[in-house]
């Protein structure tokens, strides 16, 4: 399947009045960041649930016109946060399934990631998903997901790209602002592609 056909097929599907959204996130959102020291800030790790509750409320209140939040996708099989109050289906697809297969670029890892993404794409298609919002999902999507949803995946990055990339952008942005006397930082929303 090439990207052009996928985009054309999806554009046809998007002509309907309701867009179904899948929200991707990791349940380890704060526990692996230096800014979330569990001894100094235990309440942050216990209660922080990212942007999902706010976004879900906006959709439910109709502030995101023509959209339905249909599915939560998490990449960890031991969730640290509870989203049951949102009344949404949660699909857990542990990324450990392919990460344990070896180093990036090895045939074993590539095959395991393809299987992972095939399962995920099937679940998304079964739920009629039109758009994917990644909120610190921390997975670099491969060709299987990109072919299936090219042009329909966005990612949020809590710092300004390309200046501050990386796994800990919030911390890096704050440190850099202090060090360089920058009086503002920002957030980046970008389409997901091979890069």
N, C-alpha and C. Protein backbone atom coordinates (compact mmCIF):
# COMPACT_ATOMS: atom_id res chain seq x y z
N UNK A 1 0.86 -1.18 0.00
CA UNK A 1 0.00 0.00 0.00
C UNK A 1 0.89 1.23 0.00
N UNK A 2 0.68 2.16 -0.93
CA UNK A 2 1.51 3.36 -0.90
C UNK A 2 0.76 4.50 -0.21
N UNK A 3 1.52 5.53 0.16
CA UNK A 3 0.94 6.63 0.93
C UNK A 3 -0.12 7.39 0.16
N UNK A 4 0.03 7.57 -1.16
CA UNK A 4 -0.94 8.33 -1.94
C UNK A 4 -2.31 7.66 -1.91
N UNK A 5 -2.35 6.35 -2.12
CA UNK A 5 -3.63 5.64 -2.07
C UNK A 5 -4.25 5.74 -0.69
N UNK A 6 -3.42 5.62 0.33
CA UNK A 6 -3.93 5.70 1.69
C UNK A 6 -4.57 7.05 1.96
N UNK A 7 -3.91 8.13 1.55
CA UNK A 7 -4.45 9.47 1.77
C UNK A 7 -5.77 9.63 1.01
N UNK A 8 -5.83 9.16 -0.23
CA UNK A 8 -7.07 9.27 -1.01
C UNK A 8 -8.20 8.49 -0.34
N UNK A 9 -7.89 7.27 0.12
CA UNK A 9 -8.91 6.47 0.78
C UNK A 9 -9.40 7.16 2.04
N UNK A 10 -8.46 7.71 2.81
CA UNK A 10 -8.85 8.38 4.05
C UNK A 10 -9.63 9.65 3.78
N UNK A 11 -9.28 10.39 2.75
CA UNK A 11 -10.02 11.61 2.43
C UNK A 11 -11.48 11.27 2.14
N UNK A 12 -11.71 10.17 1.45
CA UNK A 12 -13.07 9.73 1.17
C UNK A 12 -13.80 9.43 2.47
N UNK A 13 -13.11 8.75 3.39
CA UNK A 13 -13.73 8.42 4.67
C UNK A 13 -14.00 9.67 5.49
N UNK A 14 -13.14 10.68 5.37
CA UNK A 14 -13.28 11.89 6.18
C UNK A 14 -14.40 12.80 5.69
N UNK A 15 -15.02 12.47 4.56
CA UNK A 15 -16.11 13.28 4.06
C UNK A 15 -17.37 13.16 4.92
N UNK A 16 -17.38 12.22 5.83
CA UNK A 16 -18.55 12.09 6.69
C UNK A 16 -18.50 13.15 7.79
N UNK A 17 -19.57 13.26 8.55
CA UNK A 17 -19.70 14.38 9.49
C UNK A 17 -18.95 14.17 10.80
N UNK A 18 -18.51 12.97 11.11
CA UNK A 18 -17.88 12.70 12.40
C UNK A 18 -16.51 12.07 12.21
N UNK A 19 -15.51 12.68 12.79
CA UNK A 19 -14.14 12.14 12.73
C UNK A 19 -13.87 11.42 14.05
N UNK A 20 -13.46 10.16 13.95
CA UNK A 20 -13.15 9.35 15.14
C UNK A 20 -11.65 9.45 15.43
N UNK A 21 -11.33 9.81 16.67
CA UNK A 21 -9.95 10.08 17.08
C UNK A 21 -9.46 9.02 18.05
N UNK A 22 -8.22 8.56 17.84
CA UNK A 22 -7.52 7.72 18.81
C UNK A 22 -6.45 8.57 19.47
N UNK A 23 -6.37 8.50 20.78
CA UNK A 23 -5.41 9.29 21.55
C UNK A 23 -4.33 8.34 22.06
N UNK A 24 -3.10 8.51 21.59
CA UNK A 24 -1.98 7.65 21.96
C UNK A 24 -1.18 8.31 23.08
N UNK A 25 -0.85 7.54 24.10
CA UNK A 25 0.02 8.05 25.16
C UNK A 25 0.72 6.90 25.86
N UNK A 26 1.72 7.25 26.63
CA UNK A 26 2.39 6.25 27.45
C UNK A 26 1.96 6.46 28.89
N UNK A 27 1.79 5.36 29.61
CA UNK A 27 1.41 5.49 31.01
C UNK A 27 2.61 5.85 31.87
N UNK A 28 3.79 5.84 31.27
CA UNK A 28 5.00 6.22 32.01
C UNK A 28 5.34 7.68 31.78
N UNK A 29 4.33 8.49 31.52
CA UNK A 29 4.56 9.85 31.07
C UNK A 29 5.49 10.66 31.96
N UNK A 30 5.34 10.54 33.26
CA UNK A 30 6.20 11.34 34.13
C UNK A 30 7.21 10.52 34.92
N UNK A 31 6.95 9.26 35.15
CA UNK A 31 7.81 8.52 36.06
C UNK A 31 9.24 8.38 35.56
N UNK A 32 9.48 8.54 34.27
CA UNK A 32 10.84 8.41 33.77
C UNK A 32 11.49 9.77 33.49
N UNK A 33 10.85 10.86 33.92
CA UNK A 33 11.43 12.17 33.69
C UNK A 33 12.06 12.71 34.95
N UNK A 34 13.24 13.34 34.82
CA UNK A 34 13.90 13.90 36.00
C UNK A 34 13.05 14.93 36.73
N UNK A 35 12.15 15.61 36.01
CA UNK A 35 11.35 16.65 36.64
C UNK A 35 10.34 16.05 37.62
N UNK A 36 10.07 14.76 37.50
CA UNK A 36 9.07 14.11 38.34
C UNK A 36 9.75 13.26 39.41
N UNK A 37 10.47 13.90 40.28
CA UNK A 37 11.13 13.21 41.38
C UNK A 37 10.04 12.69 42.33
N UNK A 38 9.87 11.37 42.43
CA UNK A 38 8.75 10.83 43.23
C UNK A 38 8.85 11.17 44.71
N UNK A 39 10.04 11.43 45.21
CA UNK A 39 10.17 11.78 46.63
C UNK A 39 9.77 13.23 46.87
N UNK A 40 10.12 14.10 45.94
CA UNK A 40 9.80 15.53 46.10
C UNK A 40 8.38 15.86 45.65
N UNK A 41 7.90 15.15 44.60
CA UNK A 41 6.59 15.47 44.04
C UNK A 41 5.73 14.22 43.86
N UNK A 42 5.42 13.49 44.92
CA UNK A 42 4.65 12.25 44.76
C UNK A 42 3.27 12.48 44.16
N UNK A 43 2.66 13.61 44.48
CA UNK A 43 1.31 13.86 43.98
C UNK A 43 1.28 14.02 42.46
N UNK A 44 2.36 14.48 41.86
CA UNK A 44 2.40 14.65 40.41
C UNK A 44 2.31 13.28 39.74
N UNK A 45 3.10 12.34 40.22
CA UNK A 45 3.09 11.01 39.62
C UNK A 45 1.79 10.28 39.86
N UNK A 46 1.14 10.54 40.98
CA UNK A 46 -0.11 9.85 41.30
C UNK A 46 -1.30 10.41 40.52
N UNK A 47 -1.28 11.70 40.22
CA UNK A 47 -2.48 12.30 39.64
C UNK A 47 -2.32 12.78 38.21
N UNK A 48 -1.11 12.97 37.75
CA UNK A 48 -0.93 13.54 36.41
C UNK A 48 -1.42 12.58 35.33
N UNK A 49 -2.26 13.07 34.46
CA UNK A 49 -2.79 12.23 33.38
C UNK A 49 -2.64 12.92 32.03
N UNK A 50 -1.68 13.82 31.94
CA UNK A 50 -1.41 14.47 30.67
C UNK A 50 -2.56 15.34 30.23
N UNK A 51 -2.63 15.56 28.92
CA UNK A 51 -3.65 16.43 28.35
C UNK A 51 -4.96 15.71 28.04
N UNK A 52 -4.97 14.40 28.18
CA UNK A 52 -6.14 13.62 27.77
C UNK A 52 -7.44 14.05 28.46
N UNK A 53 -7.49 14.21 29.79
CA UNK A 53 -8.77 14.61 30.39
C UNK A 53 -9.30 15.94 29.86
N UNK A 54 -8.39 16.92 29.65
CA UNK A 54 -8.84 18.21 29.12
C UNK A 54 -9.34 18.06 27.69
N UNK A 55 -8.60 17.28 26.89
CA UNK A 55 -9.01 17.10 25.50
C UNK A 55 -10.34 16.35 25.43
N UNK A 56 -10.49 15.32 26.24
CA UNK A 56 -11.74 14.55 26.26
C UNK A 56 -12.91 15.46 26.62
N UNK A 57 -12.72 16.34 27.59
CA UNK A 57 -13.79 17.27 27.99
C UNK A 57 -14.15 18.21 26.84
N UNK A 58 -13.14 18.70 26.12
CA UNK A 58 -13.39 19.59 24.99
C UNK A 58 -14.22 18.89 23.91
N UNK A 59 -13.90 17.63 23.65
CA UNK A 59 -14.64 16.87 22.64
C UNK A 59 -16.07 16.64 23.12
N UNK A 60 -16.23 16.24 24.39
CA UNK A 60 -17.55 15.95 24.93
C UNK A 60 -18.44 17.19 24.97
N UNK A 61 -17.82 18.35 25.20
CA UNK A 61 -18.58 19.60 25.25
C UNK A 61 -18.86 20.18 23.87
N UNK A 62 -18.35 19.53 22.83
CA UNK A 62 -18.58 20.00 21.47
C UNK A 62 -17.66 21.10 21.01
N UNK A 63 -16.61 21.38 21.78
CA UNK A 63 -15.67 22.43 21.39
C UNK A 63 -14.71 21.98 20.29
N UNK A 64 -14.67 20.69 20.03
CA UNK A 64 -13.92 20.15 18.89
C UNK A 64 -14.99 19.65 17.93
N UNK A 65 -15.39 20.52 17.02
CA UNK A 65 -16.55 20.25 16.17
C UNK A 65 -16.35 19.03 15.28
N UNK A 66 -17.37 18.20 15.20
CA UNK A 66 -17.36 17.06 14.30
C UNK A 66 -16.41 15.95 14.69
N UNK A 67 -16.01 15.89 15.96
CA UNK A 67 -15.04 14.90 16.40
C UNK A 67 -15.59 14.05 17.53
N UNK A 68 -15.12 12.81 17.56
CA UNK A 68 -15.47 11.89 18.63
C UNK A 68 -14.18 11.23 19.09
N UNK A 69 -13.90 11.31 20.38
CA UNK A 69 -12.76 10.62 20.95
C UNK A 69 -13.18 9.17 21.17
N UNK A 70 -12.62 8.27 20.38
CA UNK A 70 -13.14 6.91 20.32
C UNK A 70 -12.29 5.88 21.03
N UNK A 71 -10.99 6.15 21.20
CA UNK A 71 -10.10 5.10 21.69
C UNK A 71 -8.87 5.71 22.34
N UNK A 72 -8.48 5.15 23.48
CA UNK A 72 -7.21 5.50 24.12
C UNK A 72 -6.25 4.35 23.84
N UNK A 73 -5.06 4.66 23.37
CA UNK A 73 -4.05 3.63 23.10
C UNK A 73 -2.86 3.91 23.99
N UNK A 74 -2.49 2.91 24.81
CA UNK A 74 -1.36 3.06 25.72
C UNK A 74 -0.28 2.04 25.37
N UNK A 75 0.98 2.43 25.55
CA UNK A 75 2.08 1.53 25.16
C UNK A 75 2.68 0.78 26.34
N UNK A 76 1.95 0.70 27.45
CA UNK A 76 2.51 0.05 28.62
C UNK A 76 1.48 -0.89 29.22
N UNK A 77 1.89 -2.11 29.56
CA UNK A 77 0.93 -3.07 30.09
C UNK A 77 0.72 -2.97 31.60
N UNK A 78 1.39 -2.02 32.25
CA UNK A 78 1.15 -1.78 33.67
C UNK A 78 0.82 -0.30 33.87
N UNK A 79 -0.37 0.11 33.51
CA UNK A 79 -0.72 1.54 33.56
C UNK A 79 -0.56 2.13 34.95
N UNK A 80 -0.01 3.32 35.01
CA UNK A 80 0.15 4.03 36.27
C UNK A 80 -0.99 5.02 36.50
N UNK A 81 -1.83 5.21 35.49
CA UNK A 81 -2.90 6.20 35.60
C UNK A 81 -4.23 5.56 35.23
N UNK A 82 -5.29 6.06 35.84
CA UNK A 82 -6.63 5.51 35.63
C UNK A 82 -7.45 6.48 34.78
N UNK A 83 -7.93 6.00 33.64
CA UNK A 83 -8.76 6.82 32.75
C UNK A 83 -10.21 6.32 32.71
N UNK A 84 -10.59 5.46 33.64
CA UNK A 84 -11.93 4.86 33.59
C UNK A 84 -13.03 5.91 33.69
N UNK A 85 -12.76 7.05 34.33
CA UNK A 85 -13.78 8.08 34.47
C UNK A 85 -14.13 8.74 33.14
N UNK A 86 -13.30 8.56 32.12
CA UNK A 86 -13.56 9.19 30.82
C UNK A 86 -14.55 8.38 29.99
N UNK A 87 -14.80 7.15 30.41
CA UNK A 87 -15.77 6.32 29.70
C UNK A 87 -15.35 5.96 28.29
N UNK A 88 -14.07 5.81 28.07
CA UNK A 88 -13.55 5.49 26.74
C UNK A 88 -12.90 4.12 26.74
N UNK A 89 -12.97 3.46 25.60
CA UNK A 89 -12.29 2.18 25.46
C UNK A 89 -10.78 2.42 25.48
N UNK A 90 -10.08 1.59 26.22
CA UNK A 90 -8.62 1.68 26.28
C UNK A 90 -8.02 0.43 25.67
N UNK A 91 -7.11 0.64 24.74
CA UNK A 91 -6.40 -0.47 24.11
C UNK A 91 -4.95 -0.40 24.56
N UNK A 92 -4.47 -1.46 25.17
CA UNK A 92 -3.07 -1.51 25.62
C UNK A 92 -2.29 -2.35 24.64
N UNK A 93 -1.26 -1.76 24.08
CA UNK A 93 -0.40 -2.46 23.12
C UNK A 93 1.04 -2.24 23.59
N UNK A 94 1.56 -3.13 24.46
CA UNK A 94 2.88 -2.91 25.06
C UNK A 94 4.01 -2.86 24.02
N UNK A 95 4.73 -1.75 24.01
CA UNK A 95 5.86 -1.62 23.09
C UNK A 95 7.00 -2.56 23.47
N UNK A 96 6.95 -3.08 24.70
CA UNK A 96 7.98 -4.04 25.12
C UNK A 96 7.95 -5.27 24.22
N UNK A 97 6.81 -5.51 23.54
CA UNK A 97 6.69 -6.67 22.65
C UNK A 97 7.74 -6.63 21.54
N UNK A 98 8.09 -5.45 21.06
CA UNK A 98 9.13 -5.41 20.04
C UNK A 98 10.46 -4.88 20.58
N UNK A 99 10.43 -4.12 21.67
CA UNK A 99 11.68 -3.58 22.20
C UNK A 99 12.59 -4.67 22.77
N UNK A 100 11.99 -5.75 23.25
CA UNK A 100 12.80 -6.86 23.77
C UNK A 100 13.45 -7.68 22.66
N UNK A 101 13.03 -7.44 21.41
CA UNK A 101 13.51 -8.26 20.29
C UNK A 101 14.94 -7.94 19.88
N UNK A 102 15.54 -6.94 20.45
CA UNK A 102 16.92 -6.62 20.12
C UNK A 102 17.10 -5.16 19.76
N UNK A 103 18.28 -4.85 19.26
CA UNK A 103 18.62 -3.46 18.92
C UNK A 103 17.90 -3.01 17.66
N UNK A 104 17.72 -1.68 17.56
CA UNK A 104 17.10 -1.10 16.37
C UNK A 104 17.87 -1.51 15.12
N UNK A 105 17.12 -1.77 14.06
CA UNK A 105 17.74 -2.09 12.78
C UNK A 105 18.08 -3.55 12.57
N UNK A 106 17.89 -4.38 13.60
CA UNK A 106 18.15 -5.81 13.41
C UNK A 106 16.91 -6.46 12.81
N UNK A 107 17.08 -7.56 12.06
CA UNK A 107 15.91 -8.22 11.46
C UNK A 107 14.88 -8.66 12.49
N UNK A 108 15.33 -9.13 13.66
CA UNK A 108 14.41 -9.58 14.71
C UNK A 108 13.56 -8.41 15.21
N UNK A 109 14.22 -7.30 15.46
CA UNK A 109 13.50 -6.12 15.95
C UNK A 109 12.54 -5.59 14.89
N UNK A 110 12.99 -5.53 13.65
CA UNK A 110 12.13 -5.03 12.57
C UNK A 110 10.88 -5.90 12.42
N UNK A 111 11.05 -7.22 12.49
CA UNK A 111 9.91 -8.14 12.35
C UNK A 111 8.95 -7.98 13.52
N UNK A 112 9.50 -7.85 14.74
CA UNK A 112 8.65 -7.70 15.93
C UNK A 112 7.90 -6.37 15.89
N UNK A 113 8.55 -5.31 15.41
CA UNK A 113 7.88 -4.02 15.33
C UNK A 113 6.77 -4.06 14.27
N UNK A 114 7.03 -4.75 13.16
CA UNK A 114 6.00 -4.87 12.12
C UNK A 114 4.78 -5.60 12.67
N UNK A 115 4.99 -6.66 13.43
CA UNK A 115 3.87 -7.38 14.04
C UNK A 115 3.10 -6.48 15.00
N UNK A 116 3.84 -5.73 15.81
CA UNK A 116 3.25 -4.79 16.76
C UNK A 116 2.37 -3.77 16.02
N UNK A 117 2.93 -3.17 14.99
CA UNK A 117 2.20 -2.14 14.26
C UNK A 117 1.02 -2.71 13.47
N UNK A 118 1.15 -3.94 13.00
CA UNK A 118 0.04 -4.58 12.29
C UNK A 118 -1.13 -4.80 13.24
N UNK A 119 -0.86 -5.28 14.46
CA UNK A 119 -1.92 -5.46 15.46
C UNK A 119 -2.58 -4.11 15.78
N UNK A 120 -1.75 -3.10 15.94
CA UNK A 120 -2.26 -1.78 16.29
C UNK A 120 -3.10 -1.20 15.16
N UNK A 121 -2.62 -1.27 13.92
CA UNK A 121 -3.36 -0.73 12.78
C UNK A 121 -4.69 -1.46 12.61
N UNK A 122 -4.70 -2.77 12.83
CA UNK A 122 -5.93 -3.55 12.73
C UNK A 122 -6.95 -3.07 13.76
N UNK A 123 -6.49 -2.86 14.99
CA UNK A 123 -7.40 -2.38 16.05
C UNK A 123 -7.96 -1.00 15.71
N UNK A 124 -7.11 -0.13 15.17
CA UNK A 124 -7.56 1.21 14.80
C UNK A 124 -8.59 1.14 13.68
N UNK A 125 -8.31 0.33 12.68
CA UNK A 125 -9.27 0.19 11.57
C UNK A 125 -10.57 -0.44 12.04
N UNK A 126 -10.50 -1.42 12.94
CA UNK A 126 -11.71 -2.05 13.48
C UNK A 126 -12.58 -1.03 14.22
N UNK A 127 -11.94 0.01 14.78
CA UNK A 127 -12.67 1.05 15.51
C UNK A 127 -13.00 2.26 14.64
N UNK A 128 -12.71 2.17 13.35
CA UNK A 128 -13.05 3.26 12.44
C UNK A 128 -12.31 4.55 12.73
N UNK A 129 -11.06 4.44 13.16
CA UNK A 129 -10.29 5.62 13.53
C UNK A 129 -9.85 6.40 12.29
N UNK A 130 -10.07 7.72 12.34
CA UNK A 130 -9.71 8.60 11.23
C UNK A 130 -8.47 9.43 11.51
N UNK A 131 -8.19 9.69 12.78
CA UNK A 131 -7.11 10.61 13.15
C UNK A 131 -6.46 10.11 14.43
N UNK A 132 -5.14 10.21 14.50
CA UNK A 132 -4.38 9.78 15.68
C UNK A 132 -3.67 10.98 16.27
N UNK A 133 -3.86 11.19 17.58
CA UNK A 133 -3.15 12.23 18.31
C UNK A 133 -2.18 11.55 19.27
N UNK A 134 -0.89 11.77 19.08
CA UNK A 134 0.13 11.19 19.97
C UNK A 134 0.54 12.24 20.99
N UNK A 135 0.42 11.90 22.26
CA UNK A 135 0.79 12.79 23.36
C UNK A 135 1.87 12.09 24.17
N UNK A 136 3.10 12.31 23.77
CA UNK A 136 4.25 11.66 24.39
C UNK A 136 4.11 10.13 24.35
N UNK A 137 3.80 9.63 23.18
CA UNK A 137 3.68 8.18 23.00
C UNK A 137 5.04 7.51 23.03
N UNK A 138 6.08 8.22 22.66
CA UNK A 138 7.47 7.77 22.78
C UNK A 138 7.80 6.56 21.90
N UNK A 139 7.09 6.41 20.79
CA UNK A 139 7.37 5.35 19.83
C UNK A 139 7.61 6.02 18.48
N UNK A 140 8.67 5.64 17.80
CA UNK A 140 8.88 6.12 16.44
C UNK A 140 8.10 5.18 15.53
N UNK A 141 7.08 5.70 14.89
CA UNK A 141 6.23 4.87 14.05
C UNK A 141 6.99 4.40 12.81
N UNK A 142 6.79 3.13 12.46
CA UNK A 142 7.43 2.54 11.31
C UNK A 142 6.53 2.55 10.08
N UNK A 143 7.00 1.87 9.04
CA UNK A 143 6.32 1.92 7.74
C UNK A 143 4.90 1.33 7.80
N UNK A 144 4.65 0.36 8.64
CA UNK A 144 3.32 -0.24 8.69
C UNK A 144 2.28 0.79 9.14
N UNK A 145 2.58 1.51 10.22
CA UNK A 145 1.66 2.54 10.70
C UNK A 145 1.62 3.73 9.75
N UNK A 146 2.78 4.12 9.22
CA UNK A 146 2.80 5.27 8.32
C UNK A 146 2.03 4.99 7.04
N UNK A 147 2.14 3.77 6.50
CA UNK A 147 1.38 3.44 5.31
C UNK A 147 -0.12 3.45 5.58
N UNK A 148 -0.50 2.98 6.74
CA UNK A 148 -1.93 2.89 7.07
C UNK A 148 -2.54 4.24 7.43
N UNK A 149 -1.73 5.15 8.05
CA UNK A 149 -2.29 6.41 8.56
C UNK A 149 -1.46 7.62 8.18
N UNK A 150 -0.78 7.57 7.05
CA UNK A 150 0.07 8.68 6.63
C UNK A 150 -0.77 9.96 6.49
N UNK A 151 -0.28 11.04 7.08
CA UNK A 151 -0.99 12.31 7.03
C UNK A 151 -2.11 12.43 8.03
N UNK A 152 -2.30 11.40 8.85
CA UNK A 152 -3.40 11.39 9.81
C UNK A 152 -2.92 11.18 11.24
N UNK A 153 -1.61 11.33 11.46
CA UNK A 153 -1.04 11.21 12.81
C UNK A 153 -0.35 12.51 13.17
N UNK A 154 -0.68 13.03 14.33
CA UNK A 154 0.01 14.21 14.84
C UNK A 154 0.71 13.85 16.15
N UNK A 155 1.71 14.62 16.48
CA UNK A 155 2.45 14.40 17.72
C UNK A 155 2.66 15.74 18.40
N UNK A 156 2.49 15.76 19.72
CA UNK A 156 2.81 16.96 20.48
C UNK A 156 4.18 16.79 21.11
N UNK A 157 4.92 17.89 21.18
CA UNK A 157 6.27 17.89 21.74
C UNK A 157 6.36 19.11 22.65
N UNK A 158 6.56 18.91 23.96
CA UNK A 158 6.50 20.04 24.91
C UNK A 158 7.75 20.91 24.93
N UNK A 159 8.18 21.31 23.76
CA UNK A 159 9.26 22.30 23.58
C UNK A 159 9.21 22.71 22.12
N UNK A 160 9.98 23.75 21.78
CA UNK A 160 9.97 24.22 20.40
C UNK A 160 10.95 23.42 19.56
N UNK A 161 10.42 22.81 18.50
CA UNK A 161 11.27 22.10 17.55
C UNK A 161 11.66 23.07 16.43
N UNK A 162 12.82 22.94 15.83
CA UNK A 162 13.80 21.87 16.04
C UNK A 162 14.81 22.17 17.15
N UNK A 163 14.64 23.26 17.86
CA UNK A 163 15.63 23.68 18.86
C UNK A 163 15.85 22.68 19.97
N UNK A 164 14.78 22.09 20.51
CA UNK A 164 14.92 21.22 21.67
C UNK A 164 14.21 19.89 21.42
N UNK A 165 14.87 18.97 20.74
CA UNK A 165 14.31 17.64 20.55
C UNK A 165 14.64 16.75 21.74
N UNK A 166 14.29 15.49 21.66
CA UNK A 166 14.74 14.54 22.66
C UNK A 166 13.66 14.02 23.56
N UNK A 167 14.07 13.08 24.42
CA UNK A 167 13.12 12.39 25.29
C UNK A 167 12.66 13.22 26.48
N UNK A 168 13.44 14.23 26.88
CA UNK A 168 13.08 15.04 28.05
C UNK A 168 12.95 16.51 27.66
N UNK A 169 12.08 16.84 26.71
CA UNK A 169 12.05 18.21 26.20
C UNK A 169 11.60 19.24 27.21
N UNK A 170 10.69 18.89 28.12
CA UNK A 170 10.25 19.88 29.11
C UNK A 170 11.40 20.30 29.98
N UNK A 171 12.11 19.34 30.51
CA UNK A 171 13.26 19.63 31.37
C UNK A 171 14.33 20.39 30.59
N UNK A 172 14.63 19.91 29.38
CA UNK A 172 15.66 20.56 28.56
C UNK A 172 15.28 22.00 28.23
N UNK A 173 14.01 22.23 27.93
CA UNK A 173 13.56 23.58 27.59
C UNK A 173 13.73 24.51 28.79
N UNK A 174 13.36 24.04 29.97
CA UNK A 174 13.48 24.87 31.16
C UNK A 174 14.94 25.15 31.51
N UNK A 175 15.78 24.13 31.43
CA UNK A 175 17.21 24.33 31.72
C UNK A 175 17.84 25.30 30.73
N UNK A 176 17.51 25.12 29.46
CA UNK A 176 18.08 25.98 28.43
C UNK A 176 17.60 27.41 28.60
N UNK A 177 16.34 27.58 28.95
CA UNK A 177 15.81 28.92 29.16
C UNK A 177 16.56 29.62 30.29
N UNK A 178 16.78 28.89 31.38
CA UNK A 178 17.53 29.47 32.50
C UNK A 178 18.95 29.83 32.09
N UNK A 179 19.61 28.88 31.42
CA UNK A 179 21.01 29.06 31.05
C UNK A 179 21.21 30.18 30.04
N UNK A 180 20.33 30.26 29.04
CA UNK A 180 20.51 31.21 27.96
C UNK A 180 19.69 32.48 28.13
N UNK A 181 18.96 32.56 29.24
CA UNK A 181 18.17 33.76 29.48
C UNK A 181 16.99 33.90 28.52
N UNK A 182 16.50 32.78 28.00
CA UNK A 182 15.34 32.81 27.12
C UNK A 182 14.10 32.97 27.99
N UNK A 183 13.25 33.92 27.66
CA UNK A 183 12.12 34.20 28.54
C UNK A 183 10.85 33.45 28.15
N UNK A 184 10.94 32.59 27.13
CA UNK A 184 9.75 31.82 26.78
C UNK A 184 10.17 30.46 26.21
N UNK A 185 9.26 29.53 26.29
CA UNK A 185 9.43 28.26 25.61
C UNK A 185 8.12 28.02 24.86
N UNK A 186 7.83 26.81 24.47
CA UNK A 186 6.63 26.60 23.70
C UNK A 186 6.28 25.15 23.56
N UNK A 187 5.40 24.86 22.63
CA UNK A 187 4.95 23.51 22.36
C UNK A 187 4.88 23.35 20.85
N UNK A 188 5.17 22.16 20.35
CA UNK A 188 5.15 21.92 18.91
C UNK A 188 4.13 20.83 18.61
N UNK A 189 3.30 21.07 17.63
CA UNK A 189 2.40 20.06 17.11
C UNK A 189 2.84 19.81 15.67
N UNK A 190 3.15 18.55 15.35
CA UNK A 190 3.63 18.26 14.00
C UNK A 190 3.02 16.96 13.48
N UNK A 191 2.98 16.85 12.16
CA UNK A 191 2.54 15.62 11.52
C UNK A 191 3.65 14.59 11.67
N UNK A 192 3.27 13.34 11.86
CA UNK A 192 4.24 12.26 12.00
C UNK A 192 4.60 11.72 10.62
N UNK A 193 5.91 11.62 10.37
CA UNK A 193 6.36 11.03 9.11
C UNK A 193 7.62 10.20 9.40
N UNK A 194 8.33 9.83 8.36
CA UNK A 194 9.49 8.95 8.52
C UNK A 194 10.57 9.59 9.38
N UNK A 195 10.58 10.90 9.48
CA UNK A 195 11.62 11.59 10.24
C UNK A 195 11.34 11.65 11.71
